[in-house]
N, C-alpha and C. Protein backbone atom coordinates (compact mmCIF):
# COMPACT_ATOMS: atom_id res chain seq x y z
N TYR A 1 1.01 -1.27 0.22
CA TYR A 1 -0.09 -0.30 -0.15
C TYR A 1 0.93 1.36 0.28
N THR A 2 0.66 2.17 -1.08
CA THR A 2 1.75 3.28 -1.10
C THR A 2 0.94 4.57 -0.81
N ASP A 3 -0.13 4.77 -0.94
CA ASP A 3 -1.16 5.91 -0.28
C ASP A 3 -1.20 6.19 1.35
N PRO A 4 -0.93 7.47 1.34
CA PRO A 4 -1.41 7.66 2.79
C PRO A 4 -2.36 6.99 3.62
N ILE A 5 -2.42 6.33 4.48
CA ILE A 5 -3.47 5.84 5.42
C ILE A 5 -4.02 6.52 6.16
N TYR A 6 -5.58 7.28 6.04
CA TYR A 6 -6.05 8.04 7.35
C TYR A 6 -6.97 7.29 8.30
N GLN A 7 -7.21 5.68 7.83
CA GLN A 7 -8.21 5.24 8.36
C GLN A 7 -7.68 3.53 8.60
N ILE A 8 -8.02 2.97 9.88
CA ILE A 8 -7.52 1.65 9.60
C ILE A 8 -8.52 1.01 10.44
N VAL A 9 -9.09 0.04 9.66
CA VAL A 9 -10.66 -0.87 10.57
C VAL A 9 -10.02 -2.07 10.21
N PRO A 10 -9.67 -2.72 11.69
CA PRO A 10 -9.74 -4.25 11.88
C PRO A 10 -10.95 -5.01 11.70
N LEU A 11 -10.92 -5.65 10.92
CA LEU A 11 -12.01 -6.68 10.55
C LEU A 11 -11.40 -8.31 11.18
N PRO A 12 -11.38 -8.17 12.11
CA PRO A 12 -11.11 -9.94 12.56
C PRO A 12 -12.06 -11.00 11.94
N GLN A 13 -13.19 -10.88 12.06
CA GLN A 13 -14.25 -11.89 11.60
C GLN A 13 -14.17 -12.16 10.30
N PHE A 14 -13.36 -11.36 9.40
CA PHE A 14 -13.47 -11.49 8.18
C PHE A 14 -11.73 -12.00 7.68
N GLY A 15 -10.95 -11.57 8.83
CA GLY A 15 -9.37 -12.20 8.64
C GLY A 15 -8.84 -11.13 7.85
N ILE A 16 -9.33 -9.75 7.68
CA ILE A 16 -8.69 -8.66 6.91
C ILE A 16 -8.66 -7.48 7.85
N VAL A 17 -7.92 -6.52 7.53
CA VAL A 17 -7.80 -5.08 8.04
C VAL A 17 -7.72 -4.32 6.77
N CYS A 18 -9.09 -3.24 6.80
CA CYS A 18 -9.33 -2.63 5.66
C CYS A 18 -8.68 -0.99 6.00
N LEU A 19 -7.75 -0.51 4.97
CA LEU A 19 -7.20 0.75 4.83
C LEU A 19 -7.70 1.45 4.35
N CYS A 20 -7.98 2.87 4.66
CA CYS A 20 -8.75 4.06 3.88
C CYS A 20 -7.57 5.15 3.58
N ASP A 21 -7.68 5.21 2.36
CA ASP A 21 -6.76 6.74 2.20
C ASP A 21 -7.44 7.69 1.85
N GLY A 22 -9.09 7.70 2.37
CA GLY A 22 -9.70 9.22 1.82
C GLY A 22 -10.57 9.00 0.59
N LEU A 23 -9.93 8.14 -0.36
CA LEU A 23 -10.89 8.24 -1.60
C LEU A 23 -11.34 6.77 -1.88
N GLY A 24 -10.84 5.90 -0.96
CA GLY A 24 -11.41 4.33 -1.13
C GLY A 24 -10.96 3.58 -0.03
N PHE A 25 -11.04 2.04 -0.14
CA PHE A 25 -10.60 1.13 0.77
C PHE A 25 -9.81 0.17 0.00
N GLU A 26 -8.80 -0.62 0.91
CA GLU A 26 -7.81 -1.65 0.33
C GLU A 26 -8.33 -2.88 1.55
N ALA A 27 -8.39 -3.79 1.31
CA ALA A 27 -8.43 -5.11 2.23
C ALA A 27 -7.31 -5.70 2.23
N VAL A 28 -6.52 -5.98 3.40
CA VAL A 28 -5.27 -6.82 3.40
C VAL A 28 -5.45 -7.94 4.54
N ASP A 29 -4.88 -9.09 4.00
CA ASP A 29 -5.02 -10.10 4.88
C ASP A 29 -3.42 -10.60 4.99
N ALA A 30 -3.25 -11.52 5.90
CA ALA A 30 -1.51 -12.31 5.95
C ALA A 30 -0.91 -12.54 4.89
N HIS A 31 -1.85 -12.93 3.32
CA HIS A 31 -0.94 -12.76 2.30
C HIS A 31 -0.95 -11.92 1.42
N GLY A 32 -1.59 -10.59 1.57
CA GLY A 32 -1.51 -9.35 0.90
C GLY A 32 -2.74 -8.90 1.01
N THR A 33 -3.07 -7.98 -0.54
CA THR A 33 -4.04 -7.55 -0.71
C THR A 33 -5.37 -8.73 -1.20
N ARG A 34 -6.72 -8.40 -0.60
CA ARG A 34 -7.66 -9.30 -0.79
C ARG A 34 -8.24 -8.65 -1.76
N TRP A 35 -8.53 -7.40 -1.53
CA TRP A 35 -9.49 -6.40 -2.73
C TRP A 35 -9.22 -5.34 -2.58
N LYS A 36 -9.43 -4.18 -3.51
CA LYS A 36 -9.49 -3.15 -3.51
C LYS A 36 -10.85 -2.45 -4.21
N SER A 37 -11.30 -1.45 -3.27
CA SER A 37 -12.48 -0.49 -3.54
C SER A 37 -12.49 0.60 -5.17
N PRO A 38 -13.38 0.83 -5.95
CA PRO A 38 -13.42 1.70 -6.48
C PRO A 38 -13.28 2.81 -5.58
N ARG A 39 -12.81 3.98 -6.58
CA ARG A 39 -12.83 5.32 -6.07
C ARG A 39 -14.23 5.66 -5.53
N ILE A 40 -14.21 5.97 -4.21
CA ILE A 40 -15.71 6.25 -3.85
C ILE A 40 -15.70 7.83 -3.60
N SER A 41 -14.64 8.24 -3.08
CA SER A 41 -14.87 9.57 -2.85
C SER A 41 -13.70 10.84 -3.30
N TRP A 42 -14.32 11.95 -3.54
CA TRP A 42 -13.51 13.12 -4.15
C TRP A 42 -12.12 13.02 -3.11
N ASP A 43 -12.25 13.37 -1.96
CA ASP A 43 -11.53 13.75 -0.72
C ASP A 43 -11.40 12.85 0.54
N GLU A 44 -12.57 12.85 0.87
CA GLU A 44 -12.38 12.29 2.51
C GLU A 44 -13.48 11.35 2.50
N ILE A 45 -13.64 10.37 3.83
CA ILE A 45 -14.28 9.70 4.08
C ILE A 45 -14.83 9.69 5.76
N ARG A 46 -15.92 9.80 5.98
CA ARG A 46 -16.28 9.86 7.44
C ARG A 46 -17.47 8.64 7.84
N ASN A 47 -17.65 8.89 9.02
CA ASN A 47 -18.65 8.24 9.81
C ASN A 47 -18.76 6.93 9.23
N ILE A 48 -17.79 6.27 9.36
CA ILE A 48 -17.63 4.92 9.18
C ILE A 48 -18.35 4.09 10.31
N ARG A 49 -18.89 3.08 9.56
CA ARG A 49 -19.90 1.98 10.47
C ARG A 49 -20.16 0.59 9.93
N ILE A 50 -19.75 -0.21 10.53
CA ILE A 50 -20.00 -1.76 9.99
C ILE A 50 -21.28 -2.61 10.73
N GLU A 51 -21.83 -3.06 9.86
CA GLU A 51 -23.14 -4.08 10.45
C GLU A 51 -23.06 -5.24 9.30
N GLY A 52 -22.78 -6.23 10.11
CA GLY A 52 -22.72 -7.70 9.11
C GLY A 52 -21.43 -7.58 8.39
N ALA A 53 -21.61 -7.76 7.18
CA ALA A 53 -20.67 -7.46 5.96
C ALA A 53 -20.81 -6.55 5.24
N THR A 54 -21.17 -5.21 5.70
CA THR A 54 -21.33 -3.74 5.16
C THR A 54 -20.73 -2.79 5.97
N LEU A 55 -20.01 -2.25 5.34
CA LEU A 55 -19.48 -1.11 5.56
C LEU A 55 -20.12 0.18 5.14
N TYR A 56 -20.62 1.10 6.14
CA TYR A 56 -21.41 2.33 5.70
C TYR A 56 -20.78 3.37 5.84
N GLY A 57 -20.84 4.18 5.12
CA GLY A 57 -20.18 5.70 5.29
C GLY A 57 -20.39 6.70 4.79
N GLU A 58 -19.77 7.88 4.59
CA GLU A 58 -20.11 8.93 3.62
C GLU A 58 -18.98 9.66 3.22
N ALA A 59 -19.05 9.88 2.14
CA ALA A 59 -17.91 10.33 1.22
C ALA A 59 -18.00 11.78 0.63
N SER A 60 -17.02 12.55 0.41
CA SER A 60 -17.12 14.03 0.40
C SER A 60 -17.41 14.24 -1.38
N SER A 61 -17.54 15.70 -1.50
CA SER A 61 -17.76 16.04 -2.88
C SER A 61 -17.64 17.58 -2.70
N PRO A 62 -16.84 18.39 -3.33
CA PRO A 62 -16.53 19.23 -3.00
C PRO A 62 -17.58 20.42 -3.83
N THR A 63 -17.84 21.30 -2.93
CA THR A 63 -18.96 22.20 -3.83
C THR A 63 -18.40 23.64 -3.63
N ASP A 64 -19.38 24.76 -3.94
CA ASP A 64 -18.64 26.02 -3.79
C ASP A 64 -19.17 26.15 -2.31
N GLU A 65 -19.98 26.01 -1.59
CA GLU A 65 -19.89 26.35 -0.48
C GLU A 65 -19.21 25.40 0.90
N GLY A 66 -18.38 24.28 0.52
CA GLY A 66 -17.40 23.49 1.07
C GLY A 66 -18.00 22.10 0.39
N ASN A 67 -17.68 21.05 1.30
CA ASN A 67 -17.76 19.91 1.14
C ASN A 67 -19.32 19.46 1.46
N GLU A 68 -19.74 19.02 0.27
CA GLU A 68 -20.98 17.77 0.48
C GLU A 68 -21.01 16.51 1.02
N TRP A 69 -21.68 16.10 1.66
CA TRP A 69 -21.49 14.68 2.18
C TRP A 69 -22.41 13.72 1.47
N SER A 70 -22.16 12.39 0.92
CA SER A 70 -23.19 11.41 0.53
C SER A 70 -22.85 10.19 1.19
N PRO A 71 -23.95 9.56 1.56
CA PRO A 71 -23.89 7.89 2.02
C PRO A 71 -23.42 7.18 0.81
N PHE A 72 -22.86 5.66 1.50
CA PHE A 72 -22.35 4.81 0.45
C PHE A 72 -22.42 3.50 1.48
N THR A 73 -22.30 2.62 0.45
CA THR A 73 -22.11 1.47 1.30
C THR A 73 -21.11 0.39 0.55
N LEU A 74 -20.14 -0.48 1.46
CA LEU A 74 -19.12 -1.20 0.48
C LEU A 74 -19.42 -2.75 1.29
N ASP A 75 -19.36 -3.41 0.36
CA ASP A 75 -19.51 -4.83 0.45
C ASP A 75 -17.96 -5.32 1.06
N LEU A 76 -17.94 -5.74 2.40
CA LEU A 76 -16.43 -6.30 3.24
C LEU A 76 -15.86 -7.58 2.59
N THR A 77 -16.90 -8.35 2.06
CA THR A 77 -16.27 -9.50 1.30
C THR A 77 -15.84 -9.42 -0.32
N THR A 78 -16.39 -8.44 -1.04
CA THR A 78 -15.70 -8.29 -2.20
C THR A 78 -15.28 -6.87 -2.57
N GLY A 79 -15.74 -5.91 -1.84
CA GLY A 79 -14.97 -4.59 -1.95
C GLY A 79 -16.12 -4.01 -2.68
N ARG A 80 -17.10 -4.44 -3.42
CA ARG A 80 -17.79 -3.71 -4.12
C ARG A 80 -19.07 -2.36 -3.50
N CYS A 81 -18.72 -1.30 -4.29
CA CYS A 81 -19.50 -0.37 -3.70
C CYS A 81 -20.42 0.18 -4.54
N GLU A 82 -21.44 0.65 -3.46
CA GLU A 82 -22.64 1.03 -3.88
C GLU A 82 -22.88 2.51 -3.65
N ASP A 83 -23.29 3.23 -4.72
CA ASP A 83 -23.44 4.67 -4.28
C ASP A 83 -22.21 5.66 -3.79
N GLY A 84 -21.10 5.30 -4.32
CA GLY A 84 -19.79 6.08 -4.31
C GLY A 84 -20.39 7.63 -5.30
N ILE A 85 -19.97 8.49 -4.55
CA ILE A 85 -20.22 9.85 -5.12
C ILE A 85 -19.47 10.00 -5.97
N TYR A 86 -17.68 9.66 -6.18
CA TYR A 86 -16.97 9.88 -7.18
C TYR A 86 -17.40 9.23 -8.70
N GLU A 87 -17.62 7.90 -8.72
CA GLU A 87 -18.47 7.44 -9.80
C GLU A 87 -19.19 7.81 -10.28
N ARG A 88 -20.27 8.35 -9.30
CA ARG A 88 -21.34 8.78 -10.03
C ARG A 88 -21.27 10.17 -10.75
N GLU A 89 -20.69 11.07 -10.10
CA GLU A 89 -20.50 12.33 -10.62
C GLU A 89 -19.68 12.20 -11.87
N MET A 90 -18.63 11.54 -11.78
CA MET A 90 -17.73 11.25 -13.20
C MET A 90 -18.76 10.84 -14.36
N ALA A 91 -19.75 9.77 -13.88
CA ALA A 91 -20.51 9.45 -15.07
C ALA A 91 -21.35 10.67 -15.56
N ASN A 92 -21.43 11.48 -14.52
CA ASN A 92 -22.53 12.88 -15.05
C ASN A 92 -21.73 13.83 -15.70
N ALA A 93 -20.18 13.66 -15.62
CA ALA A 93 -19.67 14.86 -16.15
C ALA A 93 -19.64 14.91 -17.64
N ILE A 94 -19.03 15.99 -18.22
CA ILE A 94 -19.52 16.48 -19.60
C ILE A 94 -18.07 15.91 -20.20
N PRO A 95 -18.23 14.98 -21.18
CA PRO A 95 -16.94 14.68 -21.82
C PRO A 95 -16.13 16.01 -22.21
N ALA A 96 -14.62 15.91 -22.33
CA ALA A 96 -14.18 16.78 -22.70
C ALA A 96 -14.36 17.74 -24.30
N GLU A 97 -14.64 16.27 -24.81
CA GLU A 97 -14.64 16.60 -26.93
C GLU A 97 -16.11 17.39 -26.82
N GLU A 98 -17.11 17.33 -25.66
CA GLU A 98 -18.37 17.42 -25.83
C GLU A 98 -18.62 19.40 -25.22
N PHE A 99 -17.47 19.46 -24.77
CA PHE A 99 -17.29 20.76 -24.04
C PHE A 99 -17.80 21.85 -24.36
N ASP A 100 -18.35 22.87 -24.23
CA ASP A 100 -18.52 23.93 -25.46
C ASP A 100 -18.15 25.18 -24.32
N PRO A 101 -17.41 25.81 -24.41
CA PRO A 101 -17.16 27.16 -23.89
C PRO A 101 -17.95 28.05 -23.96
N GLU A 102 -18.53 28.02 -24.67
CA GLU A 102 -19.72 29.36 -25.05
C GLU A 102 -21.07 29.35 -23.91
N GLU A 103 -21.44 27.74 -24.14
CA GLU A 103 -22.60 27.57 -22.99
C GLU A 103 -22.08 27.48 -21.46
N TYR A 104 -20.70 27.03 -21.35
CA TYR A 104 -20.11 26.63 -20.14
C TYR A 104 -19.27 27.64 -19.51
N GLY A 105 -19.06 28.64 -20.40
CA GLY A 105 -17.63 29.33 -19.83
C GLY A 105 -16.09 28.40 -19.96
N GLU A 106 -15.30 29.43 -20.01
CA GLU A 106 -13.95 28.82 -20.16
C GLU A 106 -13.47 27.80 -18.89
N LEU A 107 -12.82 27.02 -19.23
CA LEU A 107 -12.12 26.17 -18.30
C LEU A 107 -11.04 27.06 -17.83
N PRO A 108 -10.85 26.75 -16.54
CA PRO A 108 -9.82 27.27 -15.99
C PRO A 108 -8.26 27.16 -16.55
N ARG A 109 -7.38 27.62 -16.67
CA ARG A 109 -6.31 27.27 -17.52
C ARG A 109 -5.67 26.08 -17.15
N SER A 110 -5.56 25.71 -15.66
CA SER A 110 -5.16 24.23 -15.31
C SER A 110 -5.79 23.14 -15.69
N SER A 111 -7.08 23.41 -15.98
CA SER A 111 -8.16 22.39 -16.60
C SER A 111 -7.48 22.24 -18.13
N ARG A 112 -7.15 22.84 -18.90
CA ARG A 112 -7.32 22.76 -20.45
C ARG A 112 -6.51 21.54 -20.80
N SER A 113 -5.55 20.90 -20.06
CA SER A 113 -4.90 20.03 -20.63
C SER A 113 -5.56 18.42 -20.34
N ILE A 114 -6.73 18.81 -19.71
CA ILE A 114 -7.22 17.40 -19.44
C ILE A 114 -8.01 16.86 -20.17
N HIS A 115 -7.71 15.52 -20.60
CA HIS A 115 -8.26 14.90 -21.76
C HIS A 115 -9.27 13.90 -20.91
């Protein structure tokens, strides 16, 4: 695991430890990585709780007013995530080739090279 770890969730009932880097989770056991979740959040994950084989939490999405928090669930046996805000917002993003500056305004200079 090479990213900074912000939260460690020991789950002895599954024989794993979940590592959270603020964007998603990775489950490790004595042999290495068991599964890796997709990216769930833009920046932070909070309010983690475990019920059975499900991890519940809130993922952040930046807004003009600050962070907006969105609930998600994570299957602790597979790493499959439901309702991750990052994937949901990326699926709704405007593809660069369809971006019309007359309709949306100019992109900030630092964003112009994004493909």
